[in-house]
Protein backbone atom coordinates (compact mmCIF):
# COMPACT_ATOMS: atom_id res chain seq x y z
CA MET A 1 22.59 43.30 -59.44
CA ILE A 2 24.37 42.17 -56.36
CA GLN A 3 25.56 38.67 -57.59
CA THR A 4 28.30 40.24 -59.80
CA VAL A 5 28.73 43.24 -57.29
CA LEU A 6 30.18 40.51 -54.65
CA GLY A 7 32.03 39.03 -57.76
CA ILE A 8 33.64 42.38 -58.78
CA PHE A 9 34.88 43.01 -54.99
CA LEU A 10 36.16 39.14 -54.17
CA ILE A 11 38.21 39.48 -57.79
CA LEU A 12 39.58 43.05 -56.29
CA LEU A 13 39.98 41.22 -52.18
CA HIS A 14 41.87 38.51 -54.34
CA ILE A 15 44.23 40.31 -56.58
CA VAL A 16 45.78 42.92 -53.66
CA CYS A 17 45.85 39.37 -51.22
CA CYS A 18 48.05 38.57 -54.64
CA VAL A 19 49.74 41.81 -54.89
CA LEU A 20 49.88 42.09 -50.33
CA VAL A 21 52.06 38.19 -50.97
CA TRP A 22 54.27 39.50 -53.96
CA LEU A 23 55.73 42.28 -51.88
CA GLY A 24 55.54 39.86 -48.62
CA ILE A 25 58.02 37.69 -50.40
CA LYS A 26 60.54 40.48 -52.90
CA THR A 27 60.59 42.27 -49.19
CA HIS A 28 61.70 39.34 -47.35
CA LEU A 29 59.26 39.51 -45.61
CA LEU A 30 57.56 36.56 -46.24
CA LYS A 31 59.82 33.49 -45.51
CA VAL A 32 58.67 31.50 -48.41
CA LYS A 33 60.05 30.72 -52.36
CA LYS A 34 58.77 32.71 -55.36
CA TYR A 35 57.04 29.76 -56.80
CA LEU A 36 54.60 29.52 -54.39
CA MET A 37 52.76 32.31 -55.35
CA ALA A 38 51.49 30.60 -58.53
CA LEU A 39 50.01 28.99 -55.51
CA VAL A 40 48.43 32.35 -54.48
CA ILE A 41 47.00 32.84 -57.36
CA PHE A 42 45.80 29.99 -59.27
CA VAL A 43 43.97 28.86 -55.52
CA PRO A 44 42.44 31.82 -53.74
CA PHE A 45 41.93 31.46 -50.21
CA TRP A 46 43.62 29.03 -49.34
CA GLY A 47 46.53 28.97 -51.44
CA THR A 48 47.22 32.58 -49.24
CA VAL A 49 45.39 30.77 -46.26
CA CYS A 50 48.88 27.94 -47.37
CA VAL A 51 52.03 30.47 -47.69
CA LEU A 52 50.84 31.97 -44.33
CA LEU A 53 51.16 29.01 -42.48
CA LEU A 54 54.46 27.83 -44.43
CA HIS A 55 55.70 31.18 -43.23
CA LEU A 56 54.65 30.70 -40.42
CA GLN A 57 55.66 26.98 -39.55
CA MET A 58 59.55 29.06 -41.27
CA LEU A 59 60.19 31.58 -38.53
CA THR A 60 58.41 29.10 -35.68
CA ARG A 61 61.71 26.39 -36.50
CA ARG A 62 64.71 25.86 -34.78
CA ASP A 63 67.75 25.71 -36.60
CA ASN A 64 69.87 23.65 -34.16
CA ARG A 65 67.34 20.27 -35.33
CA ILE A 66 68.04 16.96 -36.36
CA GLU A 67 65.62 16.95 -39.21
CA PRO A 68 64.21 13.44 -38.22
CA GLY A 69 63.59 11.95 -41.95
CA VAL A 70 67.08 12.21 -42.21
CA GLU A 71 68.04 10.08 -38.55
CA LYS A 72 65.62 7.73 -39.91
CA LEU A 73 67.15 6.64 -43.49
CA ARG A 74 70.43 6.09 -41.72
CA VAL A 75 68.99 4.40 -38.48
CA ASN A 76 67.34 2.70 -41.84
CA GLU A 77 70.02 1.83 -44.04
CA GLU A 78 72.23 0.59 -41.00
CA ILE A 79 69.51 -2.29 -40.36
CA TYR A 80 69.36 -3.18 -43.82
CA LYS A 81 73.32 -3.34 -43.87
CA LYS A 82 73.99 -5.22 -41.45
CA TYR A 83 70.67 -8.11 -42.41
CA PHE A 84 72.07 -8.31 -45.82
CA PHE A 85 76.14 -8.52 -45.10
CA ARG A 86 73.86 -11.52 -41.98
CA GLN A 87 72.02 -13.49 -45.06
CA PHE A 88 75.47 -13.19 -47.73
CA ARG A 89 77.53 -14.94 -45.22
CA ILE A 90 75.29 -17.24 -45.12
CA ARG A 91 74.65 -17.83 -48.44
CA THR A 92 78.32 -17.79 -49.04
CA LYS A 93 79.11 -19.81 -46.31
CA ARG A 94 76.18 -22.81 -47.46
CA SER A 95 77.89 -23.47 -51.10
CA PHE A 96 81.31 -23.56 -49.85
CA ARG A 97 80.09 -27.00 -48.50
């Protein structure tokens, strides 16, 4: 009997959390994408925690910073081009001898 009541209580708590997160997304109080609602619905406790963590991360993110991933890709591309063209020049010089 106690387990049934506890189960019903937890399901109702989950439904209330889903509705609150959905309202937060719809009213733009939570700055996350709508498709994260699936995470909240299908992963009862941790889905809500993940959405709230993403919201906090979006709030604390600065807009004027450079994304490190893009900058690293640019540096890697430059290194690759230098290496590739150097190897190409070495191979073409050897083939003309």
